[in-house]
Amino acid sequence: MSFRTALFDLDGTLLDHFSAIHRSYCHTLPQLGLPAPTLQAVRNAVGGGLEQAMLRFIQPEQLVDALRIYRAYFDRTMLDDAMLFPGAKELLRDLHHRGVTCAVLTNKIGGASRALCQHLGVSPYLSGVFGAGDTPWLKPDPSFSRHALQTLRAEAATTVLVGDSTYDVQTGLKGGFPCWTVTTGTHSKAELLEAGATFVYNDLVELGPDLLDAV
């Protein structure tokens, strides 16, 4: 198989943003009378979108206030300690130079995702950043990936998704393309394999050469 399109998840795959996300939860929850969560609890919650993650810590009737507090703080501080994982920028650059269409497909807010990609210097290698709020859908809804592929003028048959979570694996299964995964995010190798991941790697440094060989 020769991949012509590579979709990438953001948090846990390209981007190590767990410190900023955890800090934002620690700012938000005490204002609602709740204890600040541990970093591991936040890591375990994220992946399905902010609202779903937040509901792991609060009652539904607190959601509007929680999102208001969280988003205001996150928007002010999200660039402070955002870091790409080792190998991320190099892989995007090399794929781009080989003519592969690269894009981000994430459940992170679209505007924040684009700002982070610009800040971290990977926007020149991306043909699109598709995030929460850009459409009515989130991963793993196949309508979300179809929208991205249609916008990119790409086909599922020559697409690969690189991610770190079972949401990504389900997105690939429902969208008709393979999902190559890394364990730098929210799920273990065993969890990813059980979910149906095509391959599982320790990180992008390990995954990169195999993906470049497949384009």
N, C-alpha and C. Protein backbone atom coordinates (compact mmCIF):
# COMPACT_ATOMS: atom_id res chain seq x y z
N MET A 1 0.84 -1.20 0.00
CA MET A 1 0.00 0.00 0.00
C MET A 1 0.88 1.25 0.00
N SER A 2 0.50 2.22 -0.79
CA SER A 2 1.22 3.48 -0.84
C SER A 2 0.29 4.58 -0.32
N PHE A 3 0.62 5.13 0.82
CA PHE A 3 -0.22 6.17 1.41
C PHE A 3 0.06 7.51 0.73
N ARG A 4 -1.01 8.21 0.40
CA ARG A 4 -0.88 9.54 -0.17
C ARG A 4 -1.39 10.62 0.79
N THR A 5 -2.09 10.19 1.82
CA THR A 5 -2.62 11.11 2.82
C THR A 5 -2.33 10.56 4.22
N ALA A 6 -1.85 11.41 5.10
CA ALA A 6 -1.60 11.01 6.48
C ALA A 6 -2.31 11.98 7.42
N LEU A 7 -3.27 11.46 8.15
CA LEU A 7 -3.98 12.23 9.17
C LEU A 7 -3.32 11.97 10.52
N PHE A 8 -3.15 12.99 11.29
CA PHE A 8 -2.51 12.86 12.60
C PHE A 8 -3.42 13.40 13.70
N ASP A 9 -3.55 12.62 14.76
CA ASP A 9 -4.13 13.15 15.98
C ASP A 9 -3.13 14.17 16.54
N LEU A 10 -3.60 15.02 17.45
CA LEU A 10 -2.73 16.06 17.99
C LEU A 10 -2.23 15.70 19.40
N ASP A 11 -3.08 15.85 20.42
CA ASP A 11 -2.65 15.56 21.79
C ASP A 11 -2.27 14.09 21.96
N GLY A 12 -1.09 13.86 22.49
CA GLY A 12 -0.64 12.50 22.74
C GLY A 12 0.02 11.84 21.56
N THR A 13 -0.09 12.47 20.38
CA THR A 13 0.49 11.91 19.17
C THR A 13 1.59 12.82 18.64
N LEU A 14 1.21 14.00 18.17
CA LEU A 14 2.20 14.99 17.74
C LEU A 14 2.63 15.89 18.89
N LEU A 15 1.71 16.15 19.79
CA LEU A 15 1.86 17.21 20.78
C LEU A 15 1.79 16.68 22.20
N ASP A 16 2.78 17.04 23.01
CA ASP A 16 2.74 16.79 24.45
C ASP A 16 2.18 18.03 25.11
N HIS A 17 0.89 18.00 25.40
CA HIS A 17 0.21 19.17 25.95
C HIS A 17 -0.45 18.85 27.29
N PHE A 18 -0.07 17.71 27.85
CA PHE A 18 -0.76 17.25 29.06
C PHE A 18 -0.52 18.19 30.24
N SER A 19 0.65 18.83 30.30
CA SER A 19 0.91 19.75 31.40
C SER A 19 -0.05 20.93 31.36
N ALA A 20 -0.25 21.51 30.18
CA ALA A 20 -1.15 22.65 30.04
C ALA A 20 -2.60 22.25 30.32
N ILE A 21 -2.99 21.07 29.84
CA ILE A 21 -4.36 20.61 30.07
C ILE A 21 -4.59 20.35 31.55
N HIS A 22 -3.63 19.69 32.19
CA HIS A 22 -3.75 19.41 33.63
C HIS A 22 -3.82 20.71 34.42
N ARG A 23 -2.98 21.68 34.08
CA ARG A 23 -2.98 22.96 34.76
C ARG A 23 -4.34 23.65 34.64
N SER A 24 -4.98 23.51 33.48
CA SER A 24 -6.28 24.14 33.26
C SER A 24 -7.37 23.47 34.09
N TYR A 25 -7.29 22.15 34.25
CA TYR A 25 -8.24 21.46 35.12
C TYR A 25 -8.02 21.86 36.58
N CYS A 26 -6.76 21.99 36.96
CA CYS A 26 -6.46 22.38 38.34
C CYS A 26 -6.91 23.81 38.63
N HIS A 27 -6.99 24.64 37.62
CA HIS A 27 -7.53 25.99 37.77
C HIS A 27 -9.05 25.97 37.86
N THR A 28 -9.68 25.06 37.09
CA THR A 28 -11.14 25.06 36.94
C THR A 28 -11.86 24.39 38.10
N LEU A 29 -11.48 23.17 38.43
CA LEU A 29 -12.29 22.37 39.35
C LEU A 29 -12.39 22.96 40.75
N PRO A 30 -11.32 23.52 41.33
CA PRO A 30 -11.48 24.11 42.67
C PRO A 30 -12.47 25.27 42.70
N GLN A 31 -12.64 25.96 41.58
CA GLN A 31 -13.62 27.05 41.54
C GLN A 31 -15.05 26.53 41.57
N LEU A 32 -15.21 25.23 41.33
CA LEU A 32 -16.52 24.59 41.42
C LEU A 32 -16.66 23.79 42.71
N GLY A 33 -15.70 23.98 43.62
CA GLY A 33 -15.75 23.28 44.89
C GLY A 33 -15.26 21.85 44.83
N LEU A 34 -14.48 21.53 43.82
CA LEU A 34 -13.99 20.17 43.62
C LEU A 34 -12.47 20.13 43.75
N PRO A 35 -11.92 18.98 44.12
CA PRO A 35 -10.46 18.89 44.26
C PRO A 35 -9.77 18.93 42.90
N ALA A 36 -8.56 19.45 42.89
CA ALA A 36 -7.76 19.43 41.67
C ALA A 36 -7.41 17.99 41.33
N PRO A 37 -7.51 17.60 40.07
CA PRO A 37 -7.25 16.22 39.68
C PRO A 37 -5.75 15.95 39.55
N THR A 38 -5.38 14.70 39.59
CA THR A 38 -4.00 14.32 39.31
C THR A 38 -3.74 14.37 37.81
N LEU A 39 -2.49 14.43 37.45
CA LEU A 39 -2.12 14.41 36.04
C LEU A 39 -2.60 13.12 35.39
N GLN A 40 -2.47 11.99 36.09
CA GLN A 40 -2.89 10.73 35.51
C GLN A 40 -4.39 10.68 35.28
N ALA A 41 -5.15 11.26 36.19
CA ALA A 41 -6.61 11.29 36.01
C ALA A 41 -6.99 12.09 34.77
N VAL A 42 -6.28 13.18 34.53
CA VAL A 42 -6.56 13.98 33.34
C VAL A 42 -6.15 13.23 32.09
N ARG A 43 -5.00 12.59 32.11
CA ARG A 43 -4.56 11.79 30.95
C ARG A 43 -5.60 10.72 30.63
N ASN A 44 -6.16 10.10 31.65
CA ASN A 44 -7.13 9.04 31.44
C ASN A 44 -8.45 9.57 30.88
N ALA A 45 -8.72 10.86 31.10
CA ALA A 45 -10.02 11.41 30.71
C ALA A 45 -10.04 11.95 29.29
N VAL A 46 -8.91 12.43 28.79
CA VAL A 46 -8.93 13.15 27.52
C VAL A 46 -8.99 12.20 26.33
N GLY A 47 -9.37 12.76 25.18
CA GLY A 47 -9.39 12.01 23.93
C GLY A 47 -10.71 12.11 23.19
N GLY A 48 -11.80 12.19 23.93
CA GLY A 48 -13.11 12.21 23.29
C GLY A 48 -13.71 13.60 23.15
N GLY A 49 -12.91 14.62 23.42
CA GLY A 49 -13.42 15.99 23.38
C GLY A 49 -13.54 16.56 24.78
N LEU A 50 -13.47 17.88 24.88
CA LEU A 50 -13.42 18.54 26.19
C LEU A 50 -14.67 18.28 27.02
N GLU A 51 -15.84 18.35 26.43
CA GLU A 51 -17.07 18.18 27.22
C GLU A 51 -17.12 16.78 27.83
N GLN A 52 -16.81 15.77 27.03
CA GLN A 52 -16.84 14.40 27.55
C GLN A 52 -15.80 14.21 28.65
N ALA A 53 -14.62 14.79 28.46
CA ALA A 53 -13.58 14.67 29.47
C ALA A 53 -13.98 15.38 30.76
N MET A 54 -14.51 16.59 30.62
CA MET A 54 -14.89 17.36 31.81
C MET A 54 -15.94 16.64 32.64
N LEU A 55 -16.84 15.93 31.98
CA LEU A 55 -17.90 15.22 32.70
C LEU A 55 -17.37 14.04 33.50
N ARG A 56 -16.11 13.72 33.33
CA ARG A 56 -15.49 12.70 34.19
C ARG A 56 -15.25 13.26 35.60
N PHE A 57 -15.28 14.58 35.75
CA PHE A 57 -14.94 15.21 37.03
C PHE A 57 -16.09 15.99 37.67
N ILE A 58 -17.09 16.34 36.90
CA ILE A 58 -18.15 17.23 37.39
C ILE A 58 -19.52 16.63 37.14
N GLN A 59 -20.53 17.28 37.69
CA GLN A 59 -21.91 16.92 37.41
C GLN A 59 -22.38 17.65 36.15
N PRO A 60 -23.33 17.08 35.41
CA PRO A 60 -23.78 17.72 34.17
C PRO A 60 -24.24 19.16 34.35
N GLU A 61 -24.86 19.46 35.47
CA GLU A 61 -25.35 20.82 35.67
C GLU A 61 -24.21 21.83 35.89
N GLN A 62 -23.00 21.36 36.11
CA GLN A 62 -21.84 22.23 36.28
C GLN A 62 -21.09 22.47 34.97
N LEU A 63 -21.53 21.84 33.90
CA LEU A 63 -20.73 21.84 32.68
C LEU A 63 -20.57 23.23 32.07
N VAL A 64 -21.63 24.00 32.00
CA VAL A 64 -21.54 25.32 31.37
C VAL A 64 -20.51 26.19 32.09
N ASP A 65 -20.57 26.22 33.42
CA ASP A 65 -19.61 27.02 34.18
C ASP A 65 -18.20 26.47 34.04
N ALA A 66 -18.07 25.15 34.06
CA ALA A 66 -16.75 24.54 33.96
C ALA A 66 -16.09 24.86 32.63
N LEU A 67 -16.85 24.77 31.55
CA LEU A 67 -16.29 25.07 30.23
C LEU A 67 -15.91 26.54 30.11
N ARG A 68 -16.72 27.42 30.67
CA ARG A 68 -16.42 28.86 30.62
C ARG A 68 -15.10 29.16 31.34
N ILE A 69 -14.94 28.61 32.53
CA ILE A 69 -13.72 28.85 33.32
C ILE A 69 -12.51 28.22 32.64
N TYR A 70 -12.67 26.98 32.21
CA TYR A 70 -11.56 26.25 31.60
C TYR A 70 -11.08 26.94 30.32
N ARG A 71 -12.01 27.27 29.44
CA ARG A 71 -11.63 27.81 28.13
C ARG A 71 -10.95 29.17 28.26
N ALA A 72 -11.44 30.00 29.15
CA ALA A 72 -10.82 31.32 29.32
C ALA A 72 -9.39 31.18 29.81
N TYR A 73 -9.16 30.29 30.76
CA TYR A 73 -7.81 30.09 31.28
C TYR A 73 -6.92 29.40 30.26
N PHE A 74 -7.44 28.37 29.60
CA PHE A 74 -6.66 27.62 28.62
C PHE A 74 -6.24 28.51 27.46
N ASP A 75 -7.14 29.34 26.99
CA ASP A 75 -6.82 30.22 25.87
C ASP A 75 -5.68 31.18 26.22
N ARG A 76 -5.59 31.57 27.49
CA ARG A 76 -4.52 32.49 27.91
C ARG A 76 -3.18 31.79 28.07
N THR A 77 -3.19 30.51 28.38
CA THR A 77 -1.96 29.84 28.82
C THR A 77 -1.52 28.67 27.96
N MET A 78 -2.26 28.33 26.92
CA MET A 78 -2.03 27.06 26.23
C MET A 78 -0.68 26.98 25.52
N LEU A 79 -0.08 28.11 25.19
CA LEU A 79 1.19 28.09 24.48
C LEU A 79 2.39 28.02 25.43
N ASP A 80 2.14 28.13 26.73
CA ASP A 80 3.25 28.30 27.68
C ASP A 80 4.22 27.12 27.70
N ASP A 81 3.71 25.92 27.65
CA ASP A 81 4.61 24.77 27.71
C ASP A 81 4.20 23.66 26.74
N ALA A 82 3.69 24.06 25.59
CA ALA A 82 3.36 23.07 24.55
C ALA A 82 4.64 22.61 23.87
N MET A 83 4.76 21.30 23.68
CA MET A 83 5.95 20.74 23.06
C MET A 83 5.56 19.65 22.07
N LEU A 84 6.24 19.61 20.95
CA LEU A 84 6.09 18.48 20.04
C LEU A 84 6.83 17.29 20.60
N PHE A 85 6.31 16.10 20.35
CA PHE A 85 7.05 14.90 20.70
C PHE A 85 8.25 14.75 19.78
N PRO A 86 9.31 14.11 20.26
CA PRO A 86 10.48 13.87 19.41
C PRO A 86 10.08 13.18 18.11
N GLY A 87 10.60 13.68 17.02
CA GLY A 87 10.33 13.10 15.70
C GLY A 87 9.11 13.63 15.00
N ALA A 88 8.27 14.42 15.68
CA ALA A 88 7.02 14.87 15.07
C ALA A 88 7.26 15.82 13.91
N LYS A 89 8.01 16.86 14.16
CA LYS A 89 8.24 17.86 13.12
C LYS A 89 8.99 17.27 11.93
N GLU A 90 9.97 16.43 12.23
CA GLU A 90 10.76 15.81 11.17
C GLU A 90 9.91 14.90 10.31
N LEU A 91 9.01 14.15 10.93
CA LEU A 91 8.16 13.23 10.17
C LEU A 91 7.20 14.01 9.27
N LEU A 92 6.58 15.04 9.80
CA LEU A 92 5.68 15.85 8.97
C LEU A 92 6.45 16.49 7.82
N ARG A 93 7.63 17.00 8.11
CA ARG A 93 8.44 17.62 7.06
C ARG A 93 8.79 16.63 5.97
N ASP A 94 9.24 15.45 6.36
CA ASP A 94 9.67 14.45 5.38
C ASP A 94 8.50 13.94 4.55
N LEU A 95 7.35 13.74 5.18
CA LEU A 95 6.17 13.32 4.44
C LEU A 95 5.75 14.39 3.44
N HIS A 96 5.74 15.62 3.89
CA HIS A 96 5.37 16.75 3.03
C HIS A 96 6.31 16.84 1.82
N HIS A 97 7.58 16.68 2.08
CA HIS A 97 8.55 16.77 0.99
C HIS A 97 8.42 15.63 -0.01
N ARG A 98 7.84 14.53 0.41
CA ARG A 98 7.60 13.40 -0.49
C ARG A 98 6.25 13.50 -1.20
N GLY A 99 5.55 14.58 -1.00
CA GLY A 99 4.29 14.79 -1.69
C GLY A 99 3.07 14.23 -0.99
N VAL A 100 3.22 13.78 0.26
CA VAL A 100 2.10 13.25 1.03
C VAL A 100 1.30 14.41 1.60
N THR A 101 -0.01 14.34 1.49
CA THR A 101 -0.89 15.34 2.09
C THR A 101 -1.04 15.03 3.57
N CYS A 102 -0.58 15.93 4.41
CA CYS A 102 -0.66 15.74 5.86
C CYS A 102 -1.69 16.69 6.45
N ALA A 103 -2.41 16.22 7.45
CA ALA A 103 -3.40 17.05 8.12
C ALA A 103 -3.59 16.55 9.54
N VAL A 104 -4.11 17.41 10.39
CA VAL A 104 -4.44 17.06 11.76
C VAL A 104 -5.94 16.80 11.86
N LEU A 105 -6.30 15.70 12.51
CA LEU A 105 -7.69 15.36 12.79
C LEU A 105 -7.78 15.13 14.29
N THR A 106 -8.39 16.08 14.99
CA THR A 106 -8.32 16.07 16.45
C THR A 106 -9.65 16.42 17.08
N ASN A 107 -9.85 15.95 18.30
CA ASN A 107 -11.02 16.36 19.08
C ASN A 107 -10.71 17.57 19.94
N LYS A 108 -9.53 18.13 19.81
CA LYS A 108 -9.19 19.39 20.45
C LYS A 108 -9.87 20.52 19.68
N ILE A 109 -10.20 21.61 20.36
CA ILE A 109 -10.85 22.76 19.72
C ILE A 109 -10.05 23.19 18.50
N GLY A 110 -10.73 23.37 17.38
CA GLY A 110 -10.05 23.66 16.12
C GLY A 110 -9.19 24.91 16.17
N GLY A 111 -9.73 26.00 16.73
CA GLY A 111 -8.96 27.24 16.78
C GLY A 111 -7.69 27.09 17.58
N ALA A 112 -7.78 26.44 18.74
CA ALA A 112 -6.60 26.20 19.57
C ALA A 112 -5.61 25.30 18.86
N SER A 113 -6.11 24.30 18.16
CA SER A 113 -5.24 23.37 17.44
C SER A 113 -4.45 24.09 16.36
N ARG A 114 -5.10 24.96 15.62
CA ARG A 114 -4.40 25.71 14.57
C ARG A 114 -3.37 26.67 15.16
N ALA A 115 -3.72 27.31 16.28
CA ALA A 115 -2.77 28.22 16.93
C ALA A 115 -1.54 27.46 17.42
N LEU A 116 -1.74 26.28 17.97
CA LEU A 116 -0.63 25.47 18.45
C LEU A 116 0.26 24.99 17.31
N CYS A 117 -0.34 24.56 16.22
CA CYS A 117 0.44 24.11 15.07
C CYS A 117 1.27 25.25 14.49
N GLN A 118 0.69 26.44 14.46
CA GLN A 118 1.43 27.61 14.00
C GLN A 118 2.58 27.94 14.95
N HIS A 119 2.29 27.93 16.24
CA HIS A 119 3.28 28.26 17.26
C HIS A 119 4.45 27.28 17.23
N LEU A 120 4.17 26.03 16.98
CA LEU A 120 5.20 24.98 17.01
C LEU A 120 5.88 24.76 15.67
N GLY A 121 5.48 25.52 14.66
CA GLY A 121 6.19 25.52 13.40
C GLY A 121 5.89 24.38 12.45
N VAL A 122 4.73 23.73 12.61
CA VAL A 122 4.40 22.62 11.72
C VAL A 122 3.32 22.97 10.70
N SER A 123 2.74 24.14 10.80
CA SER A 123 1.68 24.53 9.86
C SER A 123 2.12 24.46 8.40
N PRO A 124 3.37 24.80 8.05
CA PRO A 124 3.77 24.72 6.64
C PRO A 124 3.69 23.32 6.05
N TYR A 125 3.67 22.30 6.89
CA TYR A 125 3.63 20.93 6.41
C TYR A 125 2.22 20.34 6.41
N LEU A 126 1.24 21.15 6.82
CA LEU A 126 -0.14 20.66 6.96
C LEU A 126 -1.05 21.29 5.93
N SER A 127 -1.89 20.46 5.33
CA SER A 127 -2.89 20.95 4.38
C SER A 127 -4.22 21.22 5.04
N GLY A 128 -4.33 20.94 6.32
CA GLY A 128 -5.55 21.20 7.05
C GLY A 128 -5.42 20.83 8.51
N VAL A 129 -6.16 21.51 9.36
CA VAL A 129 -6.28 21.15 10.78
C VAL A 129 -7.77 21.12 11.09
N PHE A 130 -8.30 19.94 11.35
CA PHE A 130 -9.72 19.74 11.57
C PHE A 130 -9.93 19.40 13.04
N GLY A 131 -10.67 20.26 13.76
CA GLY A 131 -10.83 20.06 15.19
C GLY A 131 -12.25 20.23 15.65
N ALA A 132 -12.43 20.12 16.95
CA ALA A 132 -13.75 20.27 17.57
C ALA A 132 -14.28 21.67 17.31
N GLY A 133 -15.55 21.75 16.96
CA GLY A 133 -16.19 23.02 16.68
C GLY A 133 -16.13 23.43 15.22
N ASP A 134 -15.25 22.80 14.44
CA ASP A 134 -15.18 23.11 13.01
C ASP A 134 -16.34 22.48 12.25
N THR A 135 -16.86 21.38 12.77
CA THR A 135 -17.98 20.66 12.18
C THR A 135 -18.89 20.20 13.32
N PRO A 136 -20.03 19.60 13.02
CA PRO A 136 -20.86 19.05 14.10
C PRO A 136 -20.30 17.77 14.70
N TRP A 137 -19.18 17.25 14.16
CA TRP A 137 -18.74 15.90 14.51
C TRP A 137 -17.42 15.90 15.27
N LEU A 138 -17.19 14.79 15.97
CA LEU A 138 -15.93 14.48 16.61
C LEU A 138 -15.53 13.06 16.24
N LYS A 139 -14.26 12.72 16.40
CA LYS A 139 -13.86 11.32 16.28
C LYS A 139 -14.55 10.52 17.37
N PRO A 140 -15.01 9.32 17.10
CA PRO A 140 -14.77 8.51 15.90
C PRO A 140 -15.89 8.56 14.86
N ASP A 141 -16.74 9.56 14.88
CA ASP A 141 -17.82 9.66 13.90
C ASP A 141 -17.24 9.67 12.49
N PRO A 142 -17.63 8.74 11.64
CA PRO A 142 -17.06 8.70 10.28
C PRO A 142 -17.37 9.94 9.45
N SER A 143 -18.40 10.69 9.83
CA SER A 143 -18.70 11.92 9.10
C SER A 143 -17.55 12.93 9.24
N PHE A 144 -16.87 12.89 10.37
CA PHE A 144 -15.76 13.81 10.61
C PHE A 144 -14.59 13.50 9.67
N SER A 145 -14.22 12.23 9.61
CA SER A 145 -13.10 11.87 8.73
C SER A 145 -13.48 12.02 7.25
N ARG A 146 -14.74 11.74 6.91
CA ARG A 146 -15.17 11.94 5.53
C ARG A 146 -15.07 13.41 5.14
N HIS A 147 -15.48 14.27 6.05
CA HIS A 147 -15.38 15.70 5.78
C HIS A 147 -13.93 16.11 5.55
N ALA A 148 -13.03 15.61 6.39
CA ALA A 148 -11.62 15.96 6.23
C ALA A 148 -11.08 15.46 4.89
N LEU A 149 -11.38 14.22 4.54
CA LEU A 149 -10.87 13.67 3.30
C LEU A 149 -11.46 14.39 2.09
N GLN A 150 -12.73 14.71 2.15
CA GLN A 150 -13.33 15.46 1.04
C GLN A 150 -12.70 16.83 0.88
N THR A 151 -12.45 17.50 1.99
CA THR A 151 -11.82 18.82 1.95
C THR A 151 -10.40 18.72 1.37
N LEU A 152 -9.70 17.65 1.72
CA LEU A 152 -8.33 17.44 1.24
C LEU A 152 -8.28 16.83 -0.15
N ARG A 153 -9.46 16.47 -0.68
CA ARG A 153 -9.55 15.76 -1.97
C ARG A 153 -8.72 14.47 -1.92
N ALA A 154 -8.92 13.74 -0.84
CA ALA A 154 -8.18 12.50 -0.60
C ALA A 154 -9.16 11.34 -0.55
N GLU A 155 -8.60 10.14 -0.62
CA GLU A 155 -9.40 8.91 -0.60
C GLU A 155 -9.01 8.06 0.60
N ALA A 156 -10.01 7.43 1.19
CA ALA A 156 -9.75 6.56 2.34
C ALA A 156 -8.79 5.43 1.99
N ALA A 157 -8.86 4.95 0.77
CA ALA A 157 -8.04 3.80 0.35
C ALA A 157 -6.55 4.08 0.40
N THR A 158 -6.17 5.35 0.33
CA THR A 158 -4.74 5.69 0.36
C THR A 158 -4.41 6.60 1.55
N THR A 159 -5.20 6.44 2.63
CA THR A 159 -5.03 7.27 3.82
C THR A 159 -4.61 6.41 5.01
N VAL A 160 -3.79 6.98 5.87
CA VAL A 160 -3.44 6.38 7.15
C VAL A 160 -3.68 7.42 8.24
N LEU A 161 -4.17 6.96 9.38
CA LEU A 161 -4.34 7.82 10.55
C LEU A 161 -3.31 7.42 11.59
N VAL A 162 -2.60 8.38 12.12
CA VAL A 162 -1.64 8.14 13.20
C VAL A 162 -2.21 8.74 14.47
N GLY A 163 -2.38 7.90 15.50
CA GLY A 163 -2.99 8.37 16.73
C GLY A 163 -2.46 7.65 17.94
N ASP A 164 -3.09 7.94 19.09
CA ASP A 164 -2.61 7.36 20.35
C ASP A 164 -3.72 6.74 21.19
N SER A 165 -4.96 6.77 20.70
CA SER A 165 -6.07 6.37 21.54
C SER A 165 -7.02 5.43 20.83
N THR A 166 -7.89 4.82 21.60
CA THR A 166 -8.92 3.96 21.02
C THR A 166 -9.90 4.76 20.18
N TYR A 167 -10.06 6.06 20.47
CA TYR A 167 -10.89 6.92 19.61
C TYR A 167 -10.30 6.97 18.20
N ASP A 168 -8.98 7.04 18.12
CA ASP A 168 -8.32 7.07 16.81
C ASP A 168 -8.49 5.73 16.09
N VAL A 169 -8.31 4.66 16.83
CA VAL A 169 -8.48 3.34 16.21
C VAL A 169 -9.89 3.17 15.67
N GLN A 170 -10.89 3.56 16.46
CA GLN A 170 -12.28 3.47 16.01
C GLN A 170 -12.53 4.36 14.80
N THR A 171 -11.87 5.51 14.76
CA THR A 171 -12.01 6.41 13.62
C THR A 171 -11.53 5.73 12.35
N GLY A 172 -10.39 5.05 12.43
CA GLY A 172 -9.89 4.33 11.28
C GLY A 172 -10.79 3.19 10.86
N LEU A 173 -11.25 2.42 11.83
CA LEU A 173 -12.11 1.29 11.51
C LEU A 173 -13.42 1.74 10.86
N LYS A 174 -14.00 2.82 11.38
CA LYS A 174 -15.25 3.32 10.83
C LYS A 174 -15.05 4.08 9.52
N GLY A 175 -13.84 4.63 9.34
CA GLY A 175 -13.59 5.44 8.15
C GLY A 175 -13.01 4.66 6.99
N GLY A 176 -12.59 3.43 7.23
CA GLY A 176 -12.09 2.60 6.15
C GLY A 176 -10.62 2.78 5.85
N PHE A 177 -9.82 3.18 6.85
CA PHE A 177 -8.38 3.31 6.65
C PHE A 177 -7.66 2.81 7.91
N PRO A 178 -6.39 2.40 7.76
CA PRO A 178 -5.66 1.86 8.90
C PRO A 178 -5.28 2.93 9.90
N CYS A 179 -5.10 2.51 11.14
CA CYS A 179 -4.66 3.42 12.19
C CYS A 179 -3.37 2.88 12.79
N TRP A 180 -2.31 3.62 12.59
CA TRP A 180 -1.02 3.31 13.22
C TRP A 180 -0.94 4.13 14.50
N THR A 181 -0.53 3.51 15.59
CA THR A 181 -0.63 4.17 16.88
C THR A 181 0.71 4.23 17.61
N VAL A 182 0.77 5.17 18.56
CA VAL A 182 1.91 5.32 19.45
C VAL A 182 1.41 5.29 20.89
N THR A 183 2.29 4.94 21.81
CA THR A 183 1.90 4.84 23.22
C THR A 183 2.38 6.04 24.03
N THR A 184 2.53 7.18 23.36
CA THR A 184 2.95 8.40 24.05
C THR A 184 1.76 9.18 24.61
N GLY A 185 0.56 8.66 24.42
CA GLY A 185 -0.63 9.39 24.84
C GLY A 185 -1.41 8.74 25.94
N THR A 186 -2.62 8.31 25.64
CA THR A 186 -3.58 7.93 26.67
C THR A 186 -3.81 6.43 26.81
N HIS A 187 -3.29 5.62 25.88
CA HIS A 187 -3.61 4.20 25.92
C HIS A 187 -2.35 3.34 25.78
N SER A 188 -2.43 2.16 26.37
CA SER A 188 -1.30 1.23 26.35
C SER A 188 -1.29 0.42 25.06
N LYS A 189 -0.19 -0.28 24.84
CA LYS A 189 -0.09 -1.14 23.67
C LYS A 189 -1.19 -2.18 23.66
N ALA A 190 -1.43 -2.81 24.80
CA ALA A 190 -2.46 -3.85 24.87
C ALA A 190 -3.84 -3.28 24.54
N GLU A 191 -4.15 -2.10 25.06
CA GLU A 191 -5.45 -1.48 24.80
C GLU A 191 -5.60 -1.14 23.32
N LEU A 192 -4.55 -0.64 22.71
CA LEU A 192 -4.61 -0.25 21.31
C LEU A 192 -4.75 -1.47 20.40
N LEU A 193 -4.01 -2.52 20.71
CA LEU A 193 -4.12 -3.75 19.92
C LEU A 193 -5.50 -4.37 20.06
N GLU A 194 -6.02 -4.38 21.27
CA GLU A 194 -7.35 -4.95 21.50
C GLU A 194 -8.41 -4.16 20.75
N ALA A 195 -8.21 -2.86 20.62
CA ALA A 195 -9.18 -2.01 19.91
C ALA A 195 -9.12 -2.20 18.40
N GLY A 196 -8.00 -2.76 17.91
CA GLY A 196 -7.90 -3.01 16.48
C GLY A 196 -6.89 -2.17 15.74
N ALA A 197 -5.92 -1.59 16.47
CA ALA A 197 -4.87 -0.81 15.82
C ALA A 197 -4.10 -1.67 14.83
N THR A 198 -3.74 -1.10 13.70
CA THR A 198 -2.96 -1.83 12.70
C THR A 198 -1.57 -2.11 13.21
N PHE A 199 -0.91 -1.08 13.75
CA PHE A 199 0.41 -1.22 14.36
C PHE A 199 0.45 -0.37 15.62
N VAL A 200 1.33 -0.76 16.54
CA VAL A 200 1.56 0.03 17.75
C VAL A 200 3.06 0.24 17.90
N TYR A 201 3.46 1.49 18.06
CA TYR A 201 4.86 1.86 18.23
C TYR A 201 5.04 2.58 19.56
N ASN A 202 6.28 2.59 20.03
CA ASN A 202 6.56 3.30 21.27
C ASN A 202 6.42 4.81 21.10
N ASP A 203 6.82 5.30 19.93
CA ASP A 203 6.79 6.75 19.70
C ASP A 203 6.93 7.02 18.21
N LEU A 204 6.92 8.31 17.84
CA LEU A 204 7.02 8.69 16.43
C LEU A 204 8.41 8.44 15.87
N VAL A 205 9.41 8.47 16.71
CA VAL A 205 10.77 8.17 16.24
C VAL A 205 10.82 6.74 15.71
N GLU A 206 10.15 5.83 16.39
CA GLU A 206 10.10 4.44 15.95
C GLU A 206 9.16 4.26 14.77
N LEU A 207 8.03 4.94 14.79
CA LEU A 207 7.03 4.80 13.72
C LEU A 207 7.49 5.42 12.41
N GLY A 208 8.20 6.53 12.49
CA GLY A 208 8.51 7.34 11.31
C GLY A 208 9.11 6.59 10.14
N PRO A 209 10.19 5.84 10.33
CA PRO A 209 10.81 5.15 9.18
C PRO A 209 9.87 4.19 8.48
N ASP A 210 9.03 3.48 9.23
CA ASP A 210 8.09 2.56 8.60
C ASP A 210 7.04 3.30 7.79
N LEU A 211 6.58 4.43 8.32
CA LEU A 211 5.58 5.20 7.57
C LEU A 211 6.19 5.79 6.31
N LEU A 212 7.40 6.28 6.40
CA LEU A 212 8.05 6.84 5.20
C LEU A 212 8.27 5.76 4.16
N ASP A 213 8.51 4.54 4.59
CA ASP A 213 8.65 3.42 3.65
C ASP A 213 7.34 3.05 2.99
N ALA A 214 6.23 3.49 3.57
CA ALA A 214 4.91 3.11 3.05
C ALA A 214 4.26 4.18 2.19
N VAL A 215 5.04 5.19 1.82
CA VAL A 215 4.48 6.25 0.97
C VAL A 215 5.14 6.21 -0.42
